[in-house]
Amino acid sequence: MPQDTLNIYVDEAGDPTLFANRRRAIVGTEGCSRYFILGKLEVDDPAGLGQRLDALRQQLLANPYFGGVPSFAPARGKTAVAFHAKDDLPEVRYEVFKLLAAEGNALRFHAVVCDKARILQDVLLRNEVEPGYRYQHNELYDGLMRSLFGKFHRLADVYEVCVARRGQSDRNEAIRTAIDHAERDFAAKYGFGRGSRDDWRIQVATPKTDACLQAVDYFLWAVQRFFESREDQETGASKRDERFLKVIWPQVGEIHDLHFGPERGTFFNAQQPLTVDGRFGEQKREKP
């Protein structure tokens, strides 16, 4: 009997940075995100999706409309090599989002979102009790990994997990440890496990070598554009962009906003959609 394999692609949006030099808090300042997001994309047909993304990129490269555009120059290593929502032109993003939306239920996205202002507050309070404690970026990343994989999502016989490389280190063992912890959390909560350690096959790759990581990057960018406020160039007012989130929303299984609402956070899903008014309306407040 063939095994049921679940292919999962994991990446992040924002950054886990809290401090600059001399432990100066910089959360939410220019160049430092207010939110840190970890997401996973379940892909039914990784090879097929990769082929379709590669074909789209070749089609765009051959289009004279993009001739001479810097991001299309192979030497720059951007759109000509791999799709990356932050670097791609709006016209390119439109085509990529259209392709991803056409995949329908073959793609399922889940994410956890943390408010770094709350994390900063917790770190400062801990420093009052433990003066020698120093916050490390990886502890936030690993904690979100544990939260993301500890939830009751789709079950399978084998889990092929591809995680986007962070910087120069793949941290493969640390990622496996975080998932091991998530599996123990899952078993303790639900009373059964999802398989042995060997059933979780973890690899680290880059978007340039695995096109499905380009897909999860786009999903995460849409969520990040929703959460991070920007200044409207015409009015000067603060705004959030939810149009990209609306495009991918039918493929979103769940977004767990860890620091909003009740003690355990808020789970946004088909029953409780994530909207600007629902999340950031004047009456809404972060968790105390």
C-alpha atoms as a PDB file:
ATOM      1  CA  MET A   1       0.000   0.000   0.000  1.00  0.00           C
ATOM      2  CA  PRO A   2       1.527   3.367  -1.025  1.00  0.00           C
ATOM      3  CA  GLN A   3       2.429   5.816   1.709  1.00  0.00           C
ATOM      4  CA  ASP A   4       0.632   9.140   2.031  1.00  0.00           C
ATOM      5  CA  THR A   5       3.333  11.817   1.861  1.00  0.00           C
ATOM      6  CA  LEU A   6       2.762  15.424   2.908  1.00  0.00           C
ATOM      7  CA  ASN A   7       5.165  17.921   1.315  1.00  0.00           C
ATOM      8  CA  ILE A   8       5.656  21.016   3.463  1.00  0.00           C
ATOM      9  CA  TYR A   9       7.660  24.171   2.653  1.00  0.00           C
ATOM     10  CA  VAL A  10       8.630  26.560   5.447  1.00  0.00           C
ATOM     11  CA  ASP A  11       9.878  30.147   5.378  1.00  0.00           C
ATOM     12  CA  GLU A  12       9.690  33.352   7.394  1.00  0.00           C
ATOM     13  CA  ALA A  13       8.701  36.988   6.897  1.00  0.00           C
ATOM     14  CA  GLY A  14       9.973  39.927   8.859  1.00  0.00           C
ATOM     15  CA  ASP A  15      12.941  39.397  11.141  1.00  0.00           C
ATOM     16  CA  PRO A  16      13.476  38.247  14.731  1.00  0.00           C
ATOM     17  CA  THR A  17      15.641  41.267  15.610  1.00  0.00           C
ATOM     18  CA  LEU A  18      14.788  43.211  18.768  1.00  0.00           C
ATOM     19  CA  PHE A  19      17.952  45.196  19.509  1.00  0.00           C
ATOM     20  CA  ALA A  20      20.677  47.129  17.718  1.00  0.00           C
ATOM     21  CA  ASN A  21      24.107  47.931  19.137  1.00  0.00           C
ATOM     22  CA  ARG A  22      24.296  48.514  22.894  1.00  0.00           C
ATOM     23  CA  ARG A  23      20.946  46.727  23.250  1.00  0.00           C
ATOM     24  CA  ARG A  24      19.001  49.639  21.827  1.00  0.00           C
ATOM     25  CA  ALA A  25      15.429  48.465  21.167  1.00  0.00           C
ATOM     26  CA  ILE A  26      14.522  48.977  17.497  1.00  0.00           C
ATOM     27  CA  VAL A  27      11.302  46.999  17.051  1.00  0.00           C
ATOM     28  CA  GLY A  28       9.076  48.662  14.464  1.00  0.00           C
ATOM     29  CA  THR A  29      11.662  51.252  13.396  1.00  0.00           C
ATOM     30  CA  GLU A  30      12.758  51.625   9.789  1.00  0.00           C
ATOM     31  CA  GLY A  31      14.516  48.463   8.663  1.00  0.00           C
ATOM     32  CA  CYS A  32      13.194  46.373  11.570  1.00  0.00           C
ATOM     33  CA  SER A  33       9.807  44.699  11.364  1.00  0.00           C
ATOM     34  CA  ARG A  34       7.101  44.979  14.033  1.00  0.00           C
ATOM     35  CA  TYR A  35       5.962  41.388  13.372  1.00  0.00           C
ATOM     36  CA  PHE A  36       7.764  38.117  12.807  1.00  0.00           C
ATOM     37  CA  ILE A  37       5.912  35.450  10.844  1.00  0.00           C
ATOM     38  CA  LEU A  38       6.648  31.788  10.198  1.00  0.00           C
ATOM     39  CA  GLY A  39       4.601  29.972   7.600  1.00  0.00           C
ATOM     40  CA  LYS A  40       4.282  26.566   6.000  1.00  0.00           C
ATOM     41  CA  LEU A  41       2.799  25.682   2.636  1.00  0.00           C
ATOM     42  CA  GLU A  42       1.483  22.173   2.008  1.00  0.00           C
ATOM     43  CA  VAL A  43       1.897  21.327  -1.684  1.00  0.00           C
ATOM     44  CA  ASP A  44       0.163  18.335  -3.275  1.00  0.00           C
ATOM     45  CA  ASP A  45       2.308  18.318  -6.429  1.00  0.00           C
ATOM     46  CA  PRO A  46       5.692  19.949  -5.765  1.00  0.00           C
ATOM     47  CA  ALA A  47       7.203  18.917  -9.104  1.00  0.00           C
ATOM     48  CA  GLY A  48       4.225  20.221 -11.052  1.00  0.00           C
ATOM     49  CA  LEU A  49       4.127  23.524  -9.167  1.00  0.00           C
ATOM     50  CA  GLY A  50       7.852  23.959  -9.678  1.00  0.00           C
ATOM     51  CA  GLN A  51       7.502  23.364 -13.404  1.00  0.00           C
ATOM     52  CA  ARG A  52       4.670  25.865 -13.696  1.00  0.00           C
ATOM     53  CA  LEU A  53       6.605  28.545 -11.790  1.00  0.00           C
ATOM     54  CA  ASP A  54       9.700  27.948 -13.920  1.00  0.00           C
ATOM     55  CA  ALA A  55       7.618  28.112 -17.103  1.00  0.00           C
ATOM     56  CA  LEU A  56       6.074  31.406 -15.982  1.00  0.00           C
ATOM     57  CA  ARG A  57       9.472  32.896 -15.281  1.00  0.00           C
ATOM     58  CA  GLN A  58      10.778  31.863 -18.704  1.00  0.00           C
ATOM     59  CA  GLN A  59       7.670  33.359 -20.300  1.00  0.00           C
ATOM     60  CA  LEU A  60       8.242  36.657 -18.501  1.00  0.00           C
ATOM     61  CA  LEU A  61      11.943  36.673 -19.373  1.00  0.00           C
ATOM     62  CA  ALA A  62      11.041  36.296 -23.044  1.00  0.00           C
ATOM     63  CA  ASN A  63       8.561  39.193 -22.899  1.00  0.00           C
ATOM     64  CA  PRO A  64      10.105  42.384 -24.400  1.00  0.00           C
ATOM     65  CA  TYR A  65       8.037  44.445 -21.940  1.00  0.00           C
ATOM     66  CA  PHE A  66      10.577  43.481 -19.252  1.00  0.00           C
ATOM     67  CA  GLY A  67      13.636  44.035 -21.421  1.00  0.00           C
ATOM     68  CA  GLY A  68      16.284  46.050 -19.607  1.00  0.00           C
ATOM     69  CA  VAL A  69      14.519  45.838 -16.239  1.00  0.00           C
ATOM     70  CA  PRO A  70      17.285  45.466 -13.592  1.00  0.00           C
ATOM     71  CA  SER A  71      15.520  42.695 -11.652  1.00  0.00           C
ATOM     72  CA  PHE A  72      15.423  40.633 -14.845  1.00  0.00           C
ATOM     73  CA  ALA A  73      19.195  40.783 -15.308  1.00  0.00           C
ATOM     74  CA  PRO A  74      20.581  37.275 -14.524  1.00  0.00           C
ATOM     75  CA  ALA A  75      23.673  38.767 -12.879  1.00  0.00           C
ATOM     76  CA  ARG A  76      21.507  40.381 -10.194  1.00  0.00           C
ATOM     77  CA  GLY A  77      20.157  36.997  -9.112  1.00  0.00           C
ATOM     78  CA  LYS A  78      16.592  38.262  -8.642  1.00  0.00           C
ATOM     79  CA  THR A  79      13.515  37.559 -10.830  1.00  0.00           C
ATOM     80  CA  ALA A  80      15.650  36.039 -13.587  1.00  0.00           C
ATOM     81  CA  VAL A  81      16.729  33.322 -11.132  1.00  0.00           C
ATOM     82  CA  ALA A  82      13.813  32.970  -8.727  1.00  0.00           C
ATOM     83  CA  PHE A  83      10.598  34.746  -7.823  1.00  0.00           C
ATOM     84  CA  HIS A  84      10.837  36.789  -4.628  1.00  0.00           C
ATOM     85  CA  ALA A  85       7.822  38.932  -3.834  1.00  0.00           C
ATOM     86  CA  LYS A  86       9.806  41.769  -2.222  1.00  0.00           C
ATOM     87  CA  ASP A  87      12.019  42.186  -5.301  1.00  0.00           C
ATOM     88  CA  ASP A  88       9.564  41.374  -8.092  1.00  0.00           C
ATOM     89  CA  LEU A  89       7.785  44.054 -10.119  1.00  0.00           C
ATOM     90  CA  PRO A  90       4.031  44.545  -9.493  1.00  0.00           C
ATOM     91  CA  GLU A  91       3.319  43.076 -12.936  1.00  0.00           C
ATOM     92  CA  VAL A  92       5.311  39.978 -11.996  1.00  0.00           C
ATOM     93  CA  ARG A  93       3.572  39.647  -8.644  1.00  0.00           C
ATOM     94  CA  TYR A  94       0.212  39.763 -10.394  1.00  0.00           C
ATOM     95  CA  GLU A  95       1.175  36.812 -12.606  1.00  0.00           C
ATOM     96  CA  VAL A  96       2.619  34.785  -9.736  1.00  0.00           C
ATOM     97  CA  PHE A  97      -0.396  35.341  -7.493  1.00  0.00           C
ATOM     98  CA  LYS A  98      -2.678  34.388 -10.386  1.00  0.00           C
ATOM     99  CA  LEU A  99      -0.738  31.153 -10.875  1.00  0.00           C
ATOM    100  CA  LEU A 100      -0.822  30.319  -7.165  1.00  0.00           C
ATOM    101  CA  ALA A 101      -4.543  31.044  -6.882  1.00  0.00           C
ATOM    102  CA  ALA A 102      -5.189  28.714  -9.838  1.00  0.00           C
ATOM    103  CA  GLU A 103      -3.637  25.863  -7.823  1.00  0.00           C
ATOM    104  CA  GLY A 104      -6.711  25.927  -5.598  1.00  0.00           C
ATOM    105  CA  ASN A 105      -6.858  23.301  -2.865  1.00  0.00           C
ATOM    106  CA  ALA A 106      -3.560  21.796  -4.003  1.00  0.00           C
ATOM    107  CA  LEU A 107      -1.955  24.483  -1.809  1.00  0.00           C
ATOM    108  CA  ARG A 108      -2.763  24.943   1.892  1.00  0.00           C
ATOM    109  CA  PHE A 109      -1.086  27.644   3.965  1.00  0.00           C
ATOM    110  CA  HIS A 110      -0.705  28.006   7.739  1.00  0.00           C
ATOM    111  CA  ALA A 111       1.200  30.637   9.701  1.00  0.00           C
ATOM    112  CA  VAL A 112       1.985  31.881  13.181  1.00  0.00           C
ATOM    113  CA  VAL A 113       2.458  35.601  13.786  1.00  0.00           C
ATOM    114  CA  CYS A 114       4.102  37.219  16.791  1.00  0.00           C
ATOM    115  CA  ASP A 115       4.125  40.862  17.810  1.00  0.00           C
ATOM    116  CA  LYS A 116       7.760  41.693  18.510  1.00  0.00           C
ATOM    117  CA  ALA A 117       6.737  44.582  20.775  1.00  0.00           C
ATOM    118  CA  ARG A 118       5.262  41.958  23.094  1.00  0.00           C
ATOM    119  CA  ILE A 119       8.369  39.765  22.757  1.00  0.00           C
ATOM    120  CA  LEU A 120      10.534  42.780  23.595  1.00  0.00           C
ATOM    121  CA  GLN A 121       8.445  43.454  26.686  1.00  0.00           C
ATOM    122  CA  ASP A 122       8.847  39.835  27.821  1.00  0.00           C
ATOM    123  CA  VAL A 123      12.616  39.946  27.242  1.00  0.00           C
ATOM    124  CA  LEU A 124      13.021  43.163  29.255  1.00  0.00           C
ATOM    125  CA  LEU A 125      10.964  41.715  32.114  1.00  0.00           C
ATOM    126  CA  ARG A 126      13.074  38.563  32.072  1.00  0.00           C
ATOM    127  CA  ASN A 127      16.248  40.662  32.211  1.00  0.00           C
ATOM    128  CA  GLU A 128      15.023  42.200  35.446  1.00  0.00           C
ATOM    129  CA  VAL A 129      14.923  38.713  36.971  1.00  0.00           C
ATOM    130  CA  GLU A 130      17.898  37.260  35.077  1.00  0.00           C
ATOM    131  CA  PRO A 131      20.388  40.095  34.389  1.00  0.00           C
ATOM    132  CA  GLY A 132      22.700  37.690  32.557  1.00  0.00           C
ATOM    133  CA  TYR A 133      20.076  36.608  30.032  1.00  0.00           C
ATOM    134  CA  ARG A 134      20.670  37.738  26.456  1.00  0.00           C
ATOM    135  CA  TYR A 135      18.025  37.342  23.778  1.00  0.00           C
ATOM    136  CA  GLN A 136      19.076  35.297  20.739  1.00  0.00           C
ATOM    137  CA  HIS A 137      17.311  35.472  17.353  1.00  0.00           C
ATOM    138  CA  ASN A 138      17.107  31.718  17.004  1.00  0.00           C
ATOM    139  CA  GLU A 139      15.054  31.221  20.161  1.00  0.00           C
ATOM    140  CA  LEU A 140      12.147  33.186  18.665  1.00  0.00           C
ATOM    141  CA  TYR A 141      12.413  31.346  15.342  1.00  0.00           C
ATOM    142  CA  ASP A 142      12.554  27.940  17.051  1.00  0.00           C
ATOM    143  CA  GLY A 143       9.626  28.816  19.299  1.00  0.00           C
ATOM    144  CA  LEU A 144       7.466  29.732  16.319  1.00  0.00           C
ATOM    145  CA  MET A 145       8.547  26.544  14.542  1.00  0.00           C
ATOM    146  CA  ARG A 146       7.394  24.533  17.541  1.00  0.00           C
ATOM    147  CA  SER A 147       4.073  26.391  17.603  1.00  0.00           C
ATOM    148  CA  LEU A 148       3.519  25.998  13.863  1.00  0.00           C
ATOM    149  CA  PHE A 149       4.119  22.262  13.815  1.00  0.00           C
ATOM    150  CA  GLY A 150       2.389  21.494  17.102  1.00  0.00           C
ATOM    151  CA  LYS A 151      -1.067  22.157  15.650  1.00  0.00           C
ATOM    152  CA  PHE A 152      -3.608  19.630  14.382  1.00  0.00           C
ATOM    153  CA  HIS A 153      -3.276  20.058  10.647  1.00  0.00           C
ATOM    154  CA  ARG A 154      -3.355  17.416   7.927  1.00  0.00           C
ATOM    155  CA  LEU A 155      -1.985  13.985   8.898  1.00  0.00           C
ATOM    156  CA  ALA A 156       0.118  11.702   6.685  1.00  0.00           C
ATOM    157  CA  ASP A 157       2.394   8.656   6.817  1.00  0.00           C
ATOM    158  CA  VAL A 158       5.513  10.640   5.870  1.00  0.00           C
ATOM    159  CA  TYR A 159       6.293  14.348   6.219  1.00  0.00           C
ATOM    160  CA  GLU A 160       8.774  15.833   3.743  1.00  0.00           C
ATOM    161  CA  VAL A 161       9.705  19.194   5.239  1.00  0.00           C
ATOM    162  CA  CYS A 162      11.791  21.683   3.233  1.00  0.00           C
ATOM    163  CA  VAL A 163      12.912  24.714   5.234  1.00  0.00           C
ATOM    164  CA  ALA A 164      14.353  27.884   3.711  1.00  0.00           C
ATOM    165  CA  ARG A 165      17.965  28.425   4.671  1.00  0.00           C
ATOM    166  CA  ARG A 166      18.606  31.305   7.075  1.00  0.00           C
ATOM    167  CA  GLY A 167      21.846  33.145   6.378  1.00  0.00           C
ATOM    168  CA  GLN A 168      24.936  30.963   6.133  1.00  0.00           C
ATOM    169  CA  SER A 169      23.776  28.238   8.511  1.00  0.00           C
ATOM    170  CA  ASP A 170      21.115  25.640   7.769  1.00  0.00           C
ATOM    171  CA  ARG A 171      20.630  24.803  11.491  1.00  0.00           C
ATOM    172  CA  ASN A 172      19.225  21.454  10.456  1.00  0.00           C
ATOM    173  CA  GLU A 173      19.555  19.857  13.890  1.00  0.00           C
ATOM    174  CA  ALA A 174      17.964  22.830  15.655  1.00  0.00           C
ATOM    175  CA  ILE A 175      15.016  22.681  13.254  1.00  0.00           C
ATOM    176  CA  ARG A 176      14.624  18.958  13.860  1.00  0.00           C
ATOM    177  CA  THR A 177      14.718  19.559  17.616  1.00  0.00           C
ATOM    178  CA  ALA A 178      11.987  22.188  17.333  1.00  0.00           C
ATOM    179  CA  ILE A 179       9.825  19.772  15.336  1.00  0.00           C
ATOM    180  CA  ASP A 180      10.563  16.986  17.853  1.00  0.00           C
ATOM    181  CA  HIS A 181       9.290  19.287  20.593  1.00  0.00           C
ATOM    182  CA  ALA A 182       6.230  20.093  18.486  1.00  0.00           C
ATOM    183  CA  GLU A 183       5.532  16.373  18.059  1.00  0.00           C
ATOM    184  CA  ARG A 184       5.696  15.860  21.829  1.00  0.00           C
ATOM    185  CA  ASP A 185       3.357  18.833  22.315  1.00  0.00           C
ATOM    186  CA  PHE A 186       0.962  17.322  19.788  1.00  0.00           C
ATOM    187  CA  ALA A 187       0.986  13.875  21.414  1.00  0.00           C
ATOM    188  CA  ALA A 188       0.441  15.352  24.884  1.00  0.00           C
ATOM    189  CA  LYS A 189      -2.494  17.431  23.679  1.00  0.00           C
ATOM    190  CA  TYR A 190      -4.249  14.941  21.386  1.00  0.00           C
ATOM    191  CA  GLY A 191      -3.236  11.604  22.881  1.00  0.00           C
ATOM    192  CA  PHE A 192      -1.483  10.150  19.833  1.00  0.00           C
ATOM    193  CA  GLY A 193       1.602  10.801  17.738  1.00  0.00           C
ATOM    194  CA  ARG A 194       1.999  11.466  14.042  1.00  0.00           C
ATOM    195  CA  GLY A 195       4.725   8.894  13.441  1.00  0.00           C
ATOM    196  CA  SER A 196       8.307   8.157  14.372  1.00  0.00           C
ATOM    197  CA  ARG A 197      11.213  10.555  14.050  1.00  0.00           C
ATOM    198  CA  ASP A 198      12.146   8.844  10.783  1.00  0.00           C
ATOM    199  CA  ASP A 199       8.751   9.789   9.350  1.00  0.00           C
ATOM    200  CA  TRP A 200       9.785  13.455   9.501  1.00  0.00           C
ATOM    201  CA  ARG A 201      12.319  14.042   6.727  1.00  0.00           C
ATOM    202  CA  ILE A 202      13.820  17.486   6.991  1.00  0.00           C
ATOM    203  CA  GLN A 203      16.005  19.277   4.470  1.00  0.00           C
ATOM    204  CA  VAL A 204      17.185  22.849   4.104  1.00  0.00           C
ATOM    205  CA  ALA A 205      17.238  24.556   0.707  1.00  0.00           C
ATOM    206  CA  THR A 206      17.049  27.964  -0.971  1.00  0.00           C
ATOM    207  CA  PRO A 207      14.331  29.402  -3.235  1.00  0.00           C
ATOM    208  CA  LYS A 208      16.792  29.277  -6.119  1.00  0.00           C
ATOM    209  CA  THR A 209      17.069  25.502  -5.802  1.00  0.00           C
ATOM    210  CA  ASP A 210      13.464  24.730  -4.818  1.00  0.00           C
ATOM    211  CA  ALA A 211      10.678  26.617  -6.559  1.00  0.00           C
ATOM    212  CA  CYS A 212       8.089  25.700  -3.919  1.00  0.00           C
ATOM    213  CA  LEU A 213       9.964  27.910  -1.456  1.00  0.00           C
ATOM    214  CA  GLN A 214       9.250  30.764  -3.881  1.00  0.00           C
ATOM    215  CA  ALA A 215       5.556  29.966  -3.503  1.00  0.00           C
ATOM    216  CA  VAL A 216       5.564  30.059   0.297  1.00  0.00           C
ATOM    217  CA  ASP A 217       7.522  33.334   0.096  1.00  0.00           C
ATOM    218  CA  TYR A 218       4.608  34.862  -1.803  1.00  0.00           C
ATOM    219  CA  PHE A 219       2.070  33.664   0.754  1.00  0.00           C
ATOM    220  CA  LEU A 220       4.178  35.090   3.578  1.00  0.00           C
ATOM    221  CA  TRP A 221       4.670  38.396   1.775  1.00  0.00           C
ATOM    222  CA  ALA A 222       0.901  38.770   1.476  1.00  0.00           C
ATOM    223  CA  VAL A 223       0.524  38.239   5.234  1.00  0.00           C
ATOM    224  CA  GLN A 224       3.401  40.591   6.010  1.00  0.00           C
ATOM    225  CA  ARG A 225       1.901  43.345   3.827  1.00  0.00           C
ATOM    226  CA  PHE A 226      -1.267  42.999   5.871  1.00  0.00           C
ATOM    227  CA  PHE A 227       0.388  43.240   9.287  1.00  0.00           C
ATOM    228  CA  GLU A 228       3.102  45.828   8.699  1.00  0.00           C
ATOM    229  CA  SER A 229       1.781  49.385   8.393  1.00  0.00           C
ATOM    230  CA  ARG A 230       3.207  51.777   5.817  1.00  0.00           C
ATOM    231  CA  GLU A 231       2.822  55.466   5.152  1.00  0.00           C
ATOM    232  CA  ASP A 232       0.544  56.392   2.271  1.00  0.00           C
ATOM    233  CA  GLN A 233       2.668  58.528  -0.058  1.00  0.00           C
ATOM    234  CA  GLU A 234      -0.311  60.678  -1.042  1.00  0.00           C
ATOM    235  CA  THR A 235      -2.007  61.245   2.323  1.00  0.00           C
ATOM    236  CA  GLY A 236       0.767  60.492   4.806  1.00  0.00           C
ATOM    237  CA  ALA A 237      -1.638  58.268   6.731  1.00  0.00           C
ATOM    238  CA  SER A 238      -0.704  54.839   8.028  1.00  0.00           C
ATOM    239  CA  LYS A 239      -2.207  51.991   6.004  1.00  0.00           C
ATOM    240  CA  ARG A 240      -2.163  48.227   5.670  1.00  0.00           C
ATOM    241  CA  ASP A 241      -2.627  46.358   2.414  1.00  0.00           C
ATOM    242  CA  GLU A 242      -5.086  43.458   2.523  1.00  0.00           C
ATOM    243  CA  ARG A 243      -5.670  42.944  -1.214  1.00  0.00           C
ATOM    244  CA  PHE A 244      -2.893  40.361  -1.544  1.00  0.00           C
ATOM    245  CA  LEU A 245      -4.172  38.494   1.505  1.00  0.00           C
ATOM    246  CA  LYS A 246      -7.616  38.357  -0.105  1.00  0.00           C
ATOM    247  CA  VAL A 247      -6.110  36.644  -3.163  1.00  0.00           C
ATOM    248  CA  ILE A 248      -4.596  33.791  -1.139  1.00  0.00           C
ATOM    249  CA  TRP A 249      -7.270  33.609   1.573  1.00  0.00           C
ATOM    250  CA  PRO A 250      -9.200  30.665   0.008  1.00  0.00           C
ATOM    251  CA  GLN A 251      -5.970  28.639   0.388  1.00  0.00           C
ATOM    252  CA  VAL A 252      -5.307  29.682   3.998  1.00  0.00           C
ATOM    253  CA  GLY A 253      -6.059  27.004   6.557  1.00  0.00           C
ATOM    254  CA  GLU A 254      -5.201  29.096   9.593  1.00  0.00           C
ATOM    255  CA  ILE A 255      -3.232  32.107  10.755  1.00  0.00           C
ATOM    256  CA  HIS A 256      -2.521  32.044  14.480  1.00  0.00           C
ATOM    257  CA  ASP A 257      -1.987  35.579  15.772  1.00  0.00           C
ATOM    258  CA  LEU A 258      -0.168  34.779  19.007  1.00  0.00           C
ATOM    259  CA  HIS A 259      -0.400  38.172  20.698  1.00  0.00           C
ATOM    260  CA  PHE A 260      -3.904  39.325  19.813  1.00  0.00           C
ATOM    261  CA  GLY A 261      -7.092  38.646  21.713  1.00  0.00           C
ATOM    262  CA  PRO A 262      -7.336  35.952  24.423  1.00  0.00           C
ATOM    263  CA  GLU A 263      -4.460  34.324  26.281  1.00  0.00           C
ATOM    264  CA  ARG A 264      -3.795  31.734  23.589  1.00  0.00           C
ATOM    265  CA  GLY A 265      -4.032  34.342  20.825  1.00  0.00           C
ATOM    266  CA  THR A 266      -6.525  34.416  17.957  1.00  0.00           C
ATOM    267  CA  PHE A 267      -6.964  31.837  15.201  1.00  0.00           C
ATOM    268  CA  PHE A 268      -8.027  33.434  11.916  1.00  0.00           C
ATOM    269  CA  ASN A 269      -9.548  30.984   9.452  1.00  0.00           C
ATOM    270  CA  ALA A 270     -12.570  30.461   7.178  1.00  0.00           C
ATOM    271  CA  GLN A 271     -14.913  30.962  10.136  1.00  0.00           C
ATOM    272  CA  GLN A 272     -13.094  34.087  11.349  1.00  0.00           C
ATOM    273  CA  PRO A 273     -11.425  35.803   8.381  1.00  0.00           C
ATOM    274  CA  LEU A 274      -8.467  38.105   8.915  1.00  0.00           C
ATOM    275  CA  THR A 275      -9.476  41.659   7.967  1.00  0.00           C
ATOM    276  CA  VAL A 276      -8.006  45.076   8.660  1.00  0.00           C
ATOM    277  CA  ASP A 277     -11.093  46.182  10.549  1.00  0.00           C
ATOM    278  CA  GLY A 278     -11.277  42.970  12.555  1.00  0.00           C
ATOM    279  CA  ARG A 279      -7.597  43.031  13.483  1.00  0.00           C
ATOM    280  CA  PHE A 280      -6.662  46.720  13.549  1.00  0.00           C
ATOM    281  CA  GLY A 281      -9.947  48.592  13.955  1.00  0.00           C
ATOM    282  CA  GLU A 282      -9.934  51.472  16.439  1.00  0.00           C
ATOM    283  CA  GLN A 283     -11.578  49.346  19.108  1.00  0.00           C
ATOM    284  CA  LYS A 284      -9.041  46.508  18.762  1.00  0.00           C
ATOM    285  CA  ARG A 285      -6.190  46.124  21.178  1.00  0.00           C
ATOM    286  CA  GLU A 286      -3.158  43.883  21.464  1.00  0.00           C
ATOM    287  CA  LYS A 287      -3.149  41.326  24.256  1.00  0.00           C
ATOM    288  CA  PRO A 288      -2.011  43.036  27.505  1.00  0.00           C
END
